Protein backbone atom coordinates (compact mmCIF):
# COMPACT_ATOMS: atom_id res chain seq x y z
CA MET A 1 -35.28 122.54 76.19
CA VAL A 2 -35.24 126.05 74.74
CA ALA A 3 -31.47 125.90 74.36
CA GLN A 4 -31.72 122.53 72.60
CA SER A 5 -34.39 123.89 70.25
CA ARG A 6 -32.25 126.88 69.38
CA ARG A 7 -29.29 124.62 68.72
CA ALA A 8 -31.43 122.39 66.49
CA ILE A 9 -32.58 125.41 64.49
CA ARG A 10 -29.02 126.71 64.30
CA SER A 11 -27.81 123.36 62.95
CA TRP A 12 -29.88 123.96 59.83
CA ALA A 13 -27.40 126.76 59.06
CA LEU A 14 -30.09 128.35 56.88
CA TRP A 15 -30.16 131.44 59.05
CA THR A 16 -26.49 132.17 58.41
CA LEU A 17 -27.07 132.80 54.70
CA THR A 18 -27.07 136.22 53.13
CA VAL A 19 -30.49 137.65 52.28
CA PRO A 20 -30.24 136.87 48.52
CA ALA A 21 -29.07 133.29 49.18
CA PHE A 22 -31.78 132.78 51.80
CA ALA A 23 -34.42 134.10 49.40
CA VAL A 24 -33.32 131.81 46.56
CA VAL A 25 -33.22 128.71 48.76
CA VAL A 26 -36.64 129.38 50.28
CA LEU A 27 -38.26 130.31 46.96
CA VAL A 28 -36.97 127.16 45.26
CA ASP A 29 -38.23 125.03 48.16
CA LEU A 30 -41.64 126.68 48.07
CA ALA A 31 -41.84 126.41 44.29
CA ALA A 32 -41.09 122.68 44.47
CA ILE A 33 -43.70 122.15 47.18
CA GLY A 34 -46.27 124.09 45.19
CA TYR A 35 -45.52 122.22 42.00
CA GLY A 36 -45.61 118.88 43.79
CA VAL A 37 -49.00 119.62 45.35
CA HIS A 38 -50.36 120.71 41.97
CA ALA A 39 -48.98 117.63 40.24
CA PHE A 40 -50.51 115.19 42.73
CA ALA A 41 -53.82 117.06 42.67
CA ASP A 42 -53.84 116.66 38.88
CA LEU A 43 -52.95 112.93 38.99
CA PRO A 44 -55.84 111.08 37.28
CA SER A 45 -54.90 107.64 38.65
CA TRP A 46 -52.04 105.73 40.22
CA ARG A 47 -51.49 103.72 37.08
CA GLY A 48 -47.78 103.50 36.42
CA LEU A 49 -46.63 102.46 39.87
CA ASP A 50 -44.94 99.43 38.30
CA VAL A 51 -42.72 101.83 36.35
CA VAL A 52 -42.04 103.81 39.53
CA PHE A 53 -41.03 100.62 41.31
CA ALA A 54 -38.82 99.36 38.47
CA LEU A 55 -37.01 102.69 38.03
CA THR A 56 -36.53 103.24 41.76
CA VAL A 57 -35.22 99.74 42.47
CA SER A 58 -32.89 99.81 39.47
CA ALA A 59 -31.62 103.24 40.44
CA LEU A 60 -30.93 102.19 44.04
CA ILE A 61 -29.06 99.07 42.94
CA SER A 62 -27.03 101.13 40.48
CA VAL A 63 -26.25 103.89 43.00
CA GLU A 64 -25.11 101.36 45.60
CA GLY A 65 -22.97 99.62 43.01
CA ALA A 66 -21.45 102.93 42.00
CA ARG A 67 -20.73 103.63 45.66
CA ARG A 68 -18.71 100.41 45.80
CA VAL A 69 -16.75 101.51 42.75
CA GLU A 70 -16.02 104.83 44.42
CA ASN A 71 -15.03 103.22 47.70
CA ARG A 72 -12.43 101.13 45.91
CA ARG A 73 -10.90 104.33 44.68
CA ARG A 74 -11.04 106.32 47.88
CA ARG A 75 -11.66 103.68 50.56
CA GLY A 76 -14.56 105.73 51.84
CA GLY A 77 -16.29 109.01 51.19
CA ALA A 78 -19.16 110.02 48.98
CA LEU A 79 -19.37 109.88 45.25
CA HIS A 80 -18.28 113.00 43.42
CA LYS A 81 -21.18 112.63 41.02
CA ASP A 82 -23.22 109.62 40.00
CA LEU A 83 -25.72 108.81 37.28
CA ALA A 84 -28.85 108.77 39.48
CA PRO A 85 -30.44 111.64 37.47
CA ALA A 86 -30.78 109.22 34.52
CA TRP A 87 -33.65 107.46 36.26
CA MET A 88 -35.29 110.74 37.19
CA ILE A 89 -35.06 111.90 33.59
CA ALA A 90 -36.60 108.64 32.36
CA ALA A 91 -39.40 109.02 34.90
CA ALA A 92 -40.04 112.62 33.88
CA VAL A 93 -40.37 111.59 30.23
CA ILE A 94 -42.66 108.57 30.46
CA LEU A 95 -44.64 109.15 33.68
CA HIS A 96 -47.13 111.68 34.96
CA PRO A 97 -45.22 114.47 36.78
CA ALA A 98 -46.57 113.33 40.16
CA LEU A 99 -45.19 109.81 39.73
CA ALA A 100 -41.91 111.17 38.39
CA ILE A 101 -41.65 113.37 41.50
CA LEU A 102 -42.25 110.25 43.59
CA VAL A 103 -39.25 108.56 41.97
CA ALA A 104 -37.07 111.61 42.59
CA VAL A 105 -38.12 111.98 46.23
CA LEU A 106 -37.61 108.28 46.98
CA LEU A 107 -34.08 108.43 45.56
CA ARG A 108 -33.33 111.58 47.52
CA ILE A 109 -34.60 110.00 50.75
CA TRP A 110 -32.36 107.01 50.15
CA TRP A 111 -29.43 109.34 49.54
CA ARG A 112 -30.21 111.10 52.83
CA ILE A 113 -30.25 107.78 54.71
CA ARG A 114 -26.96 106.63 53.18
CA ALA A 115 -25.20 109.98 53.46
CA GLY A 116 -25.45 110.10 57.23
CA LYS A 117 -24.76 113.59 58.52
CA CYS A 118 -25.61 116.40 56.16
CA ILE A 119 -26.84 120.00 56.28
CA PRO A 120 -30.65 119.75 56.24
CA TYR A 121 -31.41 122.88 54.23
CA ARG A 122 -28.97 121.84 51.51
CA TRP A 123 -30.56 118.40 51.24
CA ALA A 124 -34.03 119.98 51.10
CA PHE A 125 -32.88 122.48 48.47
CA SER A 126 -31.24 119.79 46.34
CA THR A 127 -34.40 117.68 46.52
CA ALA A 128 -36.49 120.71 45.52
CA VAL A 129 -34.21 121.31 42.54
CA HIS A 130 -34.72 117.73 41.36
CA VAL A 131 -38.49 118.13 41.68
CA LEU A 132 -38.46 121.30 39.59
CA ALA A 133 -36.09 119.71 37.09
CA VAL A 134 -38.50 116.79 36.70
CA GLY A 135 -41.31 119.26 36.04
CA ALA A 136 -39.25 121.19 33.50
CA ALA A 137 -38.22 117.99 31.70
CA HIS A 138 -41.81 116.75 31.47
CA ALA A 139 -43.13 120.11 30.27
CA VAL A 140 -40.45 120.43 27.57
CA PHE A 141 -40.96 116.80 26.49
CA VAL A 142 -44.70 117.33 26.02
CA SER A 143 -44.32 120.72 24.34
CA THR A 144 -41.66 119.48 21.95
CA GLY A 145 -43.76 116.41 21.15
CA ASN A 146 -46.69 118.63 20.22
CA LEU A 147 -44.45 120.54 17.81
CA VAL A 148 -42.52 117.73 16.12
CA GLY A 149 -45.00 114.87 16.48
CA ASP A 150 -44.78 111.53 18.24
CA ASP A 151 -43.32 109.46 15.43
CA GLY A 152 -39.89 107.80 15.74
CA LEU A 153 -37.69 110.82 15.13
CA GLY A 154 -40.07 113.18 16.88
CA LEU A 155 -40.02 111.02 20.01
CA VAL A 156 -36.22 111.04 20.06
CA VAL A 157 -36.12 114.82 19.69
CA SER A 158 -38.70 115.25 22.47
CA MET A 159 -36.79 112.97 24.83
CA VAL A 160 -33.50 114.75 24.18
CA ALA A 161 -35.16 118.13 24.72
CA GLY A 162 -36.66 116.95 28.00
CA ALA A 163 -33.33 115.56 29.20
CA LEU A 164 -31.57 118.82 28.36
CA ALA A 165 -34.26 120.76 30.23
CA TYR A 166 -33.65 118.61 33.30
CA VAL A 167 -29.87 119.14 33.21
CA ALA A 168 -30.24 122.88 32.50
CA THR A 169 -32.68 123.39 35.39
CA ASP A 170 -30.46 121.50 37.79
CA THR A 171 -27.32 123.36 36.66
CA ILE A 172 -28.88 126.83 36.74
CA LEU A 173 -30.62 126.54 40.12
CA CYS A 174 -27.68 124.84 41.85
CA GLY A 175 -25.21 127.25 40.26
CA LEU A 176 -27.25 130.26 41.38
CA ALA A 177 -27.41 128.95 44.93
CA ILE A 178 -23.68 128.18 45.04
CA SER A 179 -22.75 131.64 43.75
CA LEU A 180 -24.86 133.26 46.48
CA ILE A 181 -24.04 130.92 49.35
CA ILE A 182 -20.30 130.96 48.61
CA PRO A 183 -19.43 134.45 47.36
CA GLY A 184 -16.54 134.52 44.93
CA SER A 185 -17.08 130.99 43.64
CA SER A 186 -15.32 130.21 40.39
CA ARG A 187 -17.17 129.25 37.23
CA ARG A 188 -16.04 125.67 37.72
CA GLU A 189 -17.57 125.61 41.20
CA VAL A 190 -20.81 127.17 39.96
CA ILE A 191 -21.54 125.09 36.86
CA GLY A 192 -18.98 122.30 37.24
CA GLY A 193 -15.95 121.31 35.26
CA LEU A 194 -15.61 119.22 32.13
CA ASP A 195 -15.87 115.98 34.09
CA ASP A 196 -19.15 117.13 35.65
CA LEU A 197 -20.56 118.13 32.27
CA CYS A 198 -19.58 114.75 30.83
CA THR A 199 -21.38 113.04 33.71
CA ASP A 200 -24.49 115.15 33.09
CA ALA A 201 -24.37 114.34 29.38
CA THR A 202 -24.01 110.63 30.13
CA ALA A 203 -26.94 110.75 32.57
CA ALA A 204 -29.11 112.60 30.03
CA THR A 205 -28.30 110.11 27.28
CA LEU A 206 -28.89 107.14 29.54
CA GLY A 207 -32.16 108.69 30.70
CA CYS A 208 -33.44 108.86 27.14
CA LEU A 209 -32.47 105.25 26.46
CA LEU A 210 -34.10 104.14 29.73
CA ALA A 211 -37.30 105.97 28.84
CA ALA A 212 -37.44 104.34 25.41
CA ALA A 213 -36.81 100.89 26.90
CA CYS A 214 -39.43 101.34 29.63
CA LEU A 215 -42.03 102.17 27.00
CA ILE A 216 -41.71 98.51 25.98
CA THR A 217 -41.57 97.12 29.53
CA PRO A 218 -40.57 98.76 32.83
CA TRP A 219 -38.25 95.86 33.65
CA PHE A 220 -35.85 96.93 30.92
CA ALA A 221 -34.63 99.35 33.60
CA LEU A 222 -32.78 96.46 35.22
CA VAL A 223 -30.72 96.03 32.05
CA ALA A 224 -29.30 99.52 32.58
CA ILE A 225 -27.65 98.61 35.89
CA PRO A 226 -24.44 97.05 34.47
CA ILE A 227 -24.29 99.85 31.89
CA THR A 228 -24.29 102.53 34.58
CA LEU A 229 -21.68 100.72 36.65
CA THR A 230 -19.39 100.49 33.63
CA ALA A 231 -20.01 104.15 32.82
CA GLN A 232 -19.25 105.11 36.42
CA ARG A 233 -15.90 103.36 36.24
CA ALA A 234 -15.06 105.25 33.05
CA LEU A 235 -16.11 108.58 34.55
CA LEU A 236 -13.82 108.02 37.53
CA LEU A 237 -10.78 108.32 35.24
CA GLY A 238 -11.29 112.05 34.89
CA GLN A 239 -11.82 112.40 38.63
CA LEU A 240 -8.59 110.52 39.30
CA GLU A 241 -6.65 112.81 36.98
CA THR A 242 -8.14 115.88 38.66
CA GLU A 243 -7.43 114.59 42.17
CA ALA A 244 -3.82 113.90 41.30
CA GLN A 245 -3.23 117.64 40.94
CA THR A 246 -5.75 119.00 43.45
CA ASP A 247 -5.35 119.74 47.15
CA PRO A 248 -8.29 117.98 48.89
CA LYS A 249 -8.92 120.67 51.52
CA THR A 250 -8.97 123.74 49.29
CA SER A 251 -9.53 122.33 45.78
CA LEU A 252 -6.53 124.37 44.66
CA THR A 253 -3.58 123.00 42.72
CA ARG A 254 -1.08 120.97 44.72
CA VAL A 255 2.27 122.68 45.15
CA ASP A 256 4.16 120.21 42.92
CA TRP A 257 1.70 120.73 40.06
CA TRP A 258 1.80 124.47 40.67
CA ARG A 259 5.58 124.42 40.44
CA ARG A 260 5.54 122.53 37.14
CA ARG A 261 3.04 124.93 35.60
CA THR A 262 4.94 127.95 36.95
CA GLU A 263 8.23 126.68 35.54
CA GLU A 264 6.56 126.41 32.12
CA MET A 265 5.25 129.98 32.41
CA LEU A 266 8.65 131.23 33.53
CA ARG A 267 10.30 129.70 30.46
CA THR A 268 7.72 131.43 28.29
CA SER A 269 8.36 134.73 30.07
CA LYS A 270 12.09 134.39 29.44
CA ASN A 271 11.58 133.61 25.76
CA GLN A 272 9.18 136.52 25.31
CA ARG A 273 11.17 138.85 27.57
CA GLU A 274 8.17 139.48 29.80
CA PRO A 275 8.02 139.85 33.58
CA MET A 276 6.31 137.34 35.86
CA ALA A 277 5.30 137.77 39.50
CA VAL A 278 4.94 135.32 42.37
CA LEU A 279 2.79 136.01 45.42
CA LEU A 280 3.23 134.07 48.66
CA ILE A 281 0.19 134.49 50.92
CA ASP A 282 -0.12 133.46 54.56
CA ILE A 283 -3.24 133.69 56.75
CA ASP A 284 -2.53 135.76 59.85
CA HIS A 285 -2.96 134.11 63.26
CA PHE A 286 -4.57 131.05 61.70
CA LYS A 287 -3.54 128.82 64.59
CA LEU A 288 -5.86 130.82 66.83
CA VAL A 289 -8.83 129.79 64.68
CA ASN A 290 -8.05 126.11 65.24
CA ASP A 291 -7.38 126.67 68.95
CA ARG A 292 -10.55 128.67 69.60
CA HIS A 293 -13.06 127.05 67.26
CA GLY A 294 -11.60 123.65 66.36
CA HIS A 295 -10.07 122.21 63.23
CA LEU A 296 -13.42 121.73 61.50
CA VAL A 297 -14.02 125.47 61.49
CA GLY A 298 -10.37 125.99 60.57
CA ASP A 299 -10.68 123.75 57.53
CA GLU A 300 -13.84 125.56 56.40
CA ALA A 301 -12.13 128.93 56.85
CA LEU A 302 -9.15 127.67 54.84
CA ARG A 303 -11.48 126.67 52.01
CA ALA A 304 -13.26 130.00 52.20
CA VAL A 305 -10.01 131.98 51.88
CA ALA A 306 -8.94 129.76 48.96
CA THR A 307 -12.26 130.49 47.23
CA ILE A 308 -11.84 134.24 47.72
CA LEU A 309 -8.30 134.23 46.34
CA ARG A 310 -9.15 132.09 43.34
CA SER A 311 -12.12 134.26 42.42
CA ALA A 312 -10.03 137.44 42.51
CA ILE A 313 -7.34 136.44 40.00
CA ARG A 314 -7.26 136.11 36.23
CA VAL A 315 -7.95 132.91 34.35
CA LYS A 316 -4.33 132.67 33.21
CA ASP A 317 -2.97 133.06 36.75
CA VAL A 318 -2.08 129.85 38.61
CA ILE A 319 -2.89 129.44 42.30
CA GLY A 320 -1.88 126.59 44.57
CA ARG A 321 -1.79 125.65 48.22
CA PHE A 322 1.81 126.02 49.33
CA GLY A 323 1.38 124.27 52.68
CA GLY A 324 -0.55 124.72 55.90
CA GLU A 325 -2.32 128.07 55.68
CA GLU A 326 -0.08 129.39 52.87
CA PHE A 327 -1.01 129.93 49.23
CA VAL A 328 1.09 130.77 46.21
CA ILE A 329 0.08 132.49 42.98
CA ALA A 330 2.00 132.89 39.72
CA LEU A 331 1.07 135.94 37.63
CA PRO A 332 2.43 135.67 34.06
CA GLY A 333 3.11 138.88 32.15
CA THR A 334 2.91 140.91 35.36
CA GLY A 335 5.38 143.55 36.48
CA ILE A 336 6.00 144.96 39.93
CA ASP A 337 3.32 147.68 39.80
CA GLU A 338 0.52 145.42 38.59
CA ALA A 339 1.58 142.66 40.99
CA THR A 340 1.43 145.07 43.92
CA VAL A 341 -2.06 146.21 42.94
CA THR A 342 -3.18 142.58 42.59
CA ALA A 343 -1.72 141.62 45.96
CA ASP A 344 -3.41 144.53 47.67
CA ARG A 345 -6.72 143.65 46.03
CA LEU A 346 -6.43 140.07 47.31
CA ARG A 347 -5.56 141.31 50.80
CA ASN A 348 -8.60 143.60 50.87
CA ALA A 349 -10.88 140.85 49.50
CA VAL A 350 -9.99 138.49 52.33
CA ALA A 351 -10.15 141.15 55.04
CA ALA A 352 -13.58 142.35 53.87
CA SER A 353 -15.20 138.91 53.59
CA PRO A 354 -17.57 137.65 56.32
CA LEU A 355 -16.13 134.16 56.52
CA ALA A 356 -18.83 132.87 58.86
CA ALA A 357 -21.38 133.00 56.04
CA MET A 358 -19.00 130.93 53.92
CA CYS A 359 -18.51 128.41 56.74
CA ALA A 360 -22.24 127.77 57.19
CA GLY A 361 -21.77 124.04 57.47
CA VAL A 362 -19.92 124.26 60.80
CA LEU A 363 -21.76 127.04 62.59
CA ASP A 364 -22.71 124.85 65.55
CA GLU A 365 -19.80 126.59 67.26
CA PRO A 366 -21.54 129.25 69.44
CA ASP A 367 -18.52 131.57 69.54
CA LEU A 368 -18.43 131.88 65.75
CA ASP A 369 -20.04 135.28 65.22
CA PRO A 370 -21.04 135.86 61.58
CA ASP A 371 -20.42 139.59 62.05
CA THR A 372 -16.92 139.33 63.52
CA PHE A 373 -15.36 136.11 62.24
CA ARG A 374 -12.93 137.50 59.69
CA LEU A 375 -9.33 136.80 58.75
CA THR A 376 -6.48 138.74 57.21
CA VAL A 377 -3.49 137.73 55.11
CA SER A 378 0.11 138.88 54.71
CA ILE A 379 1.48 138.79 51.17
CA GLY A 380 5.01 138.75 49.83
CA VAL A 381 5.67 139.77 46.21
CA SER A 382 8.62 138.87 43.99
CA VAL A 383 9.03 139.55 40.28
CA TYR A 384 11.12 138.03 37.50
CA PRO A 385 13.75 139.09 36.48
CA ALA A 386 14.51 141.61 39.22
CA ASP A 387 14.16 139.18 42.15
CA GLY A 388 15.36 135.94 40.58
CA SER A 389 15.57 133.84 37.44
CA THR A 390 14.21 130.53 38.78
CA VAL A 391 11.02 129.51 40.55
CA ASP A 392 12.99 128.73 43.70
CA ASP A 393 14.59 132.18 43.64
CA LEU A 394 11.21 133.85 43.28
CA LEU A 395 9.70 131.74 46.06
CA LEU A 396 12.59 132.53 48.38
CA CYS A 397 12.26 136.26 47.77
CA ALA A 398 8.46 136.17 48.11
CA ASP A 399 8.81 134.21 51.36
CA ARG A 400 11.26 136.78 52.70
CA ALA A 401 8.86 139.59 51.76
CA MET A 402 5.90 137.80 53.35
CA TYR A 403 7.74 137.55 56.68
CA ALA A 404 8.59 141.22 56.39
CA ALA A 405 4.87 141.96 56.02
CA LYS A 406 4.15 140.00 59.19
CA ALA A 407 6.92 141.76 61.06
CA ALA A 408 5.46 145.11 60.02
CA GLY A 409 2.09 144.32 61.62
CA ARG A 410 0.36 141.75 59.35
CA ASN A 411 -2.50 142.36 56.92
CA ARG A 412 0.07 143.96 54.63
CA VAL A 413 1.74 143.58 51.24
CA SER A 414 5.54 143.61 51.15
CA LEU A 415 7.86 143.62 48.12
CA ALA A 416 10.93 141.43 47.88
CA ALA A 417 13.03 144.43 46.92
CA ASP A 418 12.20 146.09 50.26
CA ALA A 419 12.60 143.03 52.49
CA VAL A 420 15.63 142.13 54.59
CA PRO A 421 17.30 138.97 53.21
CA VAL A 422 16.44 136.11 55.56
CA SER A 423 16.77 132.52 54.29
CA ARG A 424 13.59 131.05 55.76
CA LEU A 425 12.24 129.06 52.83
CA ALA A 426 15.12 126.65 52.59
CA ALA A 427 14.67 125.70 56.24
CA ARG A 428 10.94 125.01 55.94
CA PRO A 429 9.26 122.08 54.14
CA VAL A 430 6.48 123.10 51.78
CA THR A 431 3.93 121.28 53.93
CA SER A 432 4.73 123.21 57.10
CA SER A 433 2.14 125.20 59.00
CA THR A 434 3.50 128.08 61.05
CA GLY A 435 0.18 129.45 62.27
CA THR A 436 1.68 132.92 62.45
């Protein structure tokens, strides 16, 4: 029984977080609980439950419909991002904070039921963020209304301000948590990309329109259902375009898209007579991770290494997953000296990272020690024009150098100019996984 209890506590994965991440998660949860208790204690009456019911039912129908739209695209899997916050924003604007919190919690409980397996602390944290966002939206709506008045234009301004407060609170708190839970996260991972921002803007706008309609009658919320489904279909276009060039396991660029972008940069380098470097990176002994801990841990470790590499390069550099446990990076305007320094910095960043903390979602594996689960990489470096004039030439030379780094003991950086010519790349498909 004790062993089962320990395993249940471990499955929360909360205890694997760093101290700052743990503190943020716990403080946000406690703040949401405190605010919720205060809001319900201040609730004068339960008048408005009809609005709660109308918004919740409409939101659930819309979310389930959006799930069907997503399933047609992916034949399974969860939505990237839906428009459920629109109903929470509407509730925050027109209802007492306690009733608005009720709407948010009911929607989150439904999400938990439909999601199946999830990491409990992350679900609790996300729910807490929505509760605090509801509170922020209501407070800003009321404060703005007191300043600009409650006439037609003033009401619009107040609603927009409240909606923006909701989105800002959600973005800031979630972004802070992501940056602490997953060290080295990119700006896109922290605050989202353009598609995510467009979804947030759509949800905020729809939330304002829903609030205005519900002031006339709560059942206007049902009219928003087909609107949200149509909007969800439109928002999927951006997701489709992103997926077409993104590796699903690491969220890096696919190798074919990386090659196209690198060929464009190489042409620019030739025209401007500038150097360009290519780094080929392979995780050392990666097959042992899968053999010892299973492929679930291996996939999480692969994502963690990808996150570390992406966070340690410049915005103009292009990184992609080359295949298996290999990554490739193009460094425009970079000569041999700078490329060597960059490669060594990447090697040190991976070697020094406690990957177990970044793989918190799969720490049910008892042999995965947060203090010792670390990986290293071997990196091969080639530079235009010294090592080749085409992308294939640079890849071949970088591949040769990477194998030289492995032969020298791994966890090393090797230059193409110092490597023994061995034609390995031509014999290997780009999707291979050597596990060396």
